[in-house]
Amino acid sequence: MGVTLRTRDADPVTSAEAVADTDLARSQMEVLAIFEIASDEGVTALAEHEVIAWGRRLGSTYSDQRLRSCCPELERKRWLTRTPAFKPGPTGTRRAEIWALAR
């Protein structure tokens, strides 16, 4: 799913900024795709650790942190919404927020 982007040698500073912006947008689109695919399989809401698990299953190359960070970023863009419910976190010691596609 993720694509490796490279910077230009001639102008590495602005090139690196462009790569970062593109990577941010692509990772957010990938997380939206994860929610759409999960929805097609009857899963309408995911905790961040579940987003990561779905991403790995679907071949994402983004880091766990990048996939996690996309949820609040997409909430600010009004693509995802935080549900009032919680699930046990991946270790079972903390509770995890649950996210859903904003409709």
C-alpha atoms as a PDB file:
ATOM      1  CA  MET A   1       0.000   0.000   0.000  1.00  0.00           C
ATOM      2  CA  GLY A   2       2.635   2.590   1.015  1.00  0.00           C
ATOM      3  CA  VAL A   3       4.981   4.025  -1.593  1.00  0.00           C
ATOM      4  CA  THR A   4       8.614   4.963  -0.950  1.00  0.00           C
ATOM      5  CA  LEU A   5       9.267   8.537  -2.056  1.00  0.00           C
ATOM      6  CA  ARG A   6      12.730   9.925  -2.704  1.00  0.00           C
ATOM      7  CA  THR A   7      14.117  13.450  -2.513  1.00  0.00           C
ATOM      8  CA  ARG A   8      15.895  15.315  -5.328  1.00  0.00           C
ATOM      9  CA  ASP A   9      19.643  15.831  -5.022  1.00  0.00           C
ATOM     10  CA  ALA A  10      19.515  19.320  -6.610  1.00  0.00           C
ATOM     11  CA  ASP A  11      17.213  20.894  -3.985  1.00  0.00           C
ATOM     12  CA  PRO A  12      17.065  18.529  -1.017  1.00  0.00           C
ATOM     13  CA  VAL A  13      15.350  20.893   1.467  1.00  0.00           C
ATOM     14  CA  THR A  14      12.247  21.758  -0.537  1.00  0.00           C
ATOM     15  CA  SER A  15      12.251  18.286  -2.014  1.00  0.00           C
ATOM     16  CA  ALA A  16      12.202  16.732   1.466  1.00  0.00           C
ATOM     17  CA  GLU A  17       9.302  19.009   2.434  1.00  0.00           C
ATOM     18  CA  ALA A  18       7.360  17.933  -0.657  1.00  0.00           C
ATOM     19  CA  VAL A  19       8.019  14.280   0.132  1.00  0.00           C
ATOM     20  CA  ALA A  20       6.803  14.808   3.707  1.00  0.00           C
ATOM     21  CA  ASP A  21       3.582  16.481   2.495  1.00  0.00           C
ATOM     22  CA  THR A  22       2.951  13.767  -0.085  1.00  0.00           C
ATOM     23  CA  ASP A  23       3.704  11.027   2.434  1.00  0.00           C
ATOM     24  CA  LEU A  24       1.294  12.587   4.924  1.00  0.00           C
ATOM     25  CA  ALA A  25      -1.523  12.741   2.377  1.00  0.00           C
ATOM     26  CA  ARG A  26      -0.840   9.219   1.118  1.00  0.00           C
ATOM     27  CA  SER A  27      -0.765   7.738   4.600  1.00  0.00           C
ATOM     28  CA  GLN A  28      -4.056   9.458   5.420  1.00  0.00           C
ATOM     29  CA  MET A  29      -5.628   8.131   2.219  1.00  0.00           C
ATOM     30  CA  GLU A  30      -4.367   4.679   3.113  1.00  0.00           C
ATOM     31  CA  VAL A  31      -6.003   4.846   6.533  1.00  0.00           C
ATOM     32  CA  LEU A  32      -9.259   5.932   4.903  1.00  0.00           C
ATOM     33  CA  ALA A  33      -8.950   2.959   2.549  1.00  0.00           C
ATOM     34  CA  ILE A  34      -8.429   0.674   5.558  1.00  0.00           C
ATOM     35  CA  PHE A  35     -11.681   1.957   7.080  1.00  0.00           C
ATOM     36  CA  GLU A  36     -13.522   1.493   3.758  1.00  0.00           C
ATOM     37  CA  ILE A  37     -12.220  -2.063   3.308  1.00  0.00           C
ATOM     38  CA  ALA A  38     -13.062  -2.945   6.922  1.00  0.00           C
ATOM     39  CA  SER A  39     -16.525  -1.468   6.413  1.00  0.00           C
ATOM     40  CA  ASP A  40     -17.037  -3.652   3.342  1.00  0.00           C
ATOM     41  CA  GLU A  41     -16.290  -6.629   5.598  1.00  0.00           C
ATOM     42  CA  GLY A  42     -18.801  -5.500   8.227  1.00  0.00           C
ATOM     43  CA  VAL A  43     -16.367  -3.761  10.602  1.00  0.00           C
ATOM     44  CA  THR A  44     -17.637  -0.206  11.000  1.00  0.00           C
ATOM     45  CA  ALA A  45     -15.269   1.096  13.703  1.00  0.00           C
ATOM     46  CA  LEU A  46     -11.631   0.462  14.590  1.00  0.00           C
ATOM     47  CA  ALA A  47      -9.293   1.245  17.458  1.00  0.00           C
ATOM     48  CA  GLU A  48      -5.854   2.516  16.453  1.00  0.00           C
ATOM     49  CA  HIS A  49      -4.202  -0.854  17.131  1.00  0.00           C
ATOM     50  CA  GLU A  50      -6.808  -2.441  14.852  1.00  0.00           C
ATOM     51  CA  VAL A  51      -6.026   0.115  12.120  1.00  0.00           C
ATOM     52  CA  ILE A  52      -2.404  -1.017  12.398  1.00  0.00           C
ATOM     53  CA  ALA A  53      -3.384  -4.697  12.220  1.00  0.00           C
ATOM     54  CA  TRP A  54      -5.554  -4.086   9.143  1.00  0.00           C
ATOM     55  CA  GLY A  55      -2.752  -2.061   7.586  1.00  0.00           C
ATOM     56  CA  ARG A  56      -0.255  -4.881   8.081  1.00  0.00           C
ATOM     57  CA  ARG A  57      -2.731  -7.417   6.694  1.00  0.00           C
ATOM     58  CA  LEU A  58      -3.248  -5.232   3.612  1.00  0.00           C
ATOM     59  CA  GLY A  59       0.485  -4.657   3.056  1.00  0.00           C
ATOM     60  CA  SER A  60       1.014  -1.147   4.418  1.00  0.00           C
ATOM     61  CA  THR A  61       4.615   0.022   4.566  1.00  0.00           C
ATOM     62  CA  TYR A  62       3.865   2.916   6.927  1.00  0.00           C
ATOM     63  CA  SER A  63       5.063   2.749  10.525  1.00  0.00           C
ATOM     64  CA  ASP A  64       2.646   1.941  13.329  1.00  0.00           C
ATOM     65  CA  GLN A  65       3.002   5.507  14.613  1.00  0.00           C
ATOM     66  CA  ARG A  66       2.215   7.015  11.194  1.00  0.00           C
ATOM     67  CA  LEU A  67      -0.961   4.906  10.928  1.00  0.00           C
ATOM     68  CA  ARG A  68      -1.942   5.837  14.508  1.00  0.00           C
ATOM     69  CA  SER A  69      -1.309   9.535  13.888  1.00  0.00           C
ATOM     70  CA  CYS A  70      -3.629   9.539  10.886  1.00  0.00           C
ATOM     71  CA  CYS A  71      -6.741   9.029  13.030  1.00  0.00           C
ATOM     72  CA  PRO A  72      -6.696  12.412  14.815  1.00  0.00           C
ATOM     73  CA  GLU A  73      -5.405  14.091  11.633  1.00  0.00           C
ATOM     74  CA  LEU A  74      -8.387  12.728   9.719  1.00  0.00           C
ATOM     75  CA  GLU A  75     -10.712  13.735  12.541  1.00  0.00           C
ATOM     76  CA  ARG A  76      -9.528  17.339  12.138  1.00  0.00           C
ATOM     77  CA  LYS A  77     -10.353  17.039   8.423  1.00  0.00           C
ATOM     78  CA  ARG A  78     -13.758  15.551   9.364  1.00  0.00           C
ATOM     79  CA  TRP A  79     -13.159  12.259   7.551  1.00  0.00           C
ATOM     80  CA  LEU A  80     -13.079  10.197  10.768  1.00  0.00           C
ATOM     81  CA  THR A  81     -14.939  10.614  14.001  1.00  0.00           C
ATOM     82  CA  ARG A  82     -14.139   9.480  17.532  1.00  0.00           C
ATOM     83  CA  THR A  83     -16.907   7.285  18.881  1.00  0.00           C
ATOM     84  CA  PRO A  84     -18.009   7.545  22.521  1.00  0.00           C
ATOM     85  CA  ALA A  85     -17.068   3.889  23.107  1.00  0.00           C
ATOM     86  CA  PHE A  86     -13.727   2.329  24.027  1.00  0.00           C
ATOM     87  CA  LYS A  87     -12.121  -1.103  23.562  1.00  0.00           C
ATOM     88  CA  PRO A  88      -9.344  -2.749  25.526  1.00  0.00           C
ATOM     89  CA  GLY A  89      -5.970  -1.695  24.136  1.00  0.00           C
ATOM     90  CA  PRO A  90      -3.546  -4.177  22.578  1.00  0.00           C
ATOM     91  CA  THR A  91      -1.966  -5.042  25.940  1.00  0.00           C
ATOM     92  CA  GLY A  92      -5.259  -5.052  27.832  1.00  0.00           C
ATOM     93  CA  THR A  93      -4.001  -2.539  30.417  1.00  0.00           C
ATOM     94  CA  ARG A  94      -5.335   0.639  28.783  1.00  0.00           C
ATOM     95  CA  ARG A  95      -8.470   1.478  26.893  1.00  0.00           C
ATOM     96  CA  ALA A  96      -8.338   2.414  23.235  1.00  0.00           C
ATOM     97  CA  GLU A  97     -10.444   5.015  21.497  1.00  0.00           C
ATOM     98  CA  ILE A  98     -12.584   3.790  18.643  1.00  0.00           C
ATOM     99  CA  TRP A  99     -12.747   5.600  15.310  1.00  0.00           C
ATOM    100  CA  ALA A 100     -15.312   5.415  12.521  1.00  0.00           C
ATOM    101  CA  LEU A 101     -15.759   6.992   9.126  1.00  0.00           C
ATOM    102  CA  ALA A 102     -17.617  10.280   9.403  1.00  0.00           C
ATOM    103  CA  ARG A 103     -20.825  10.054   7.402  1.00  0.00           C
END
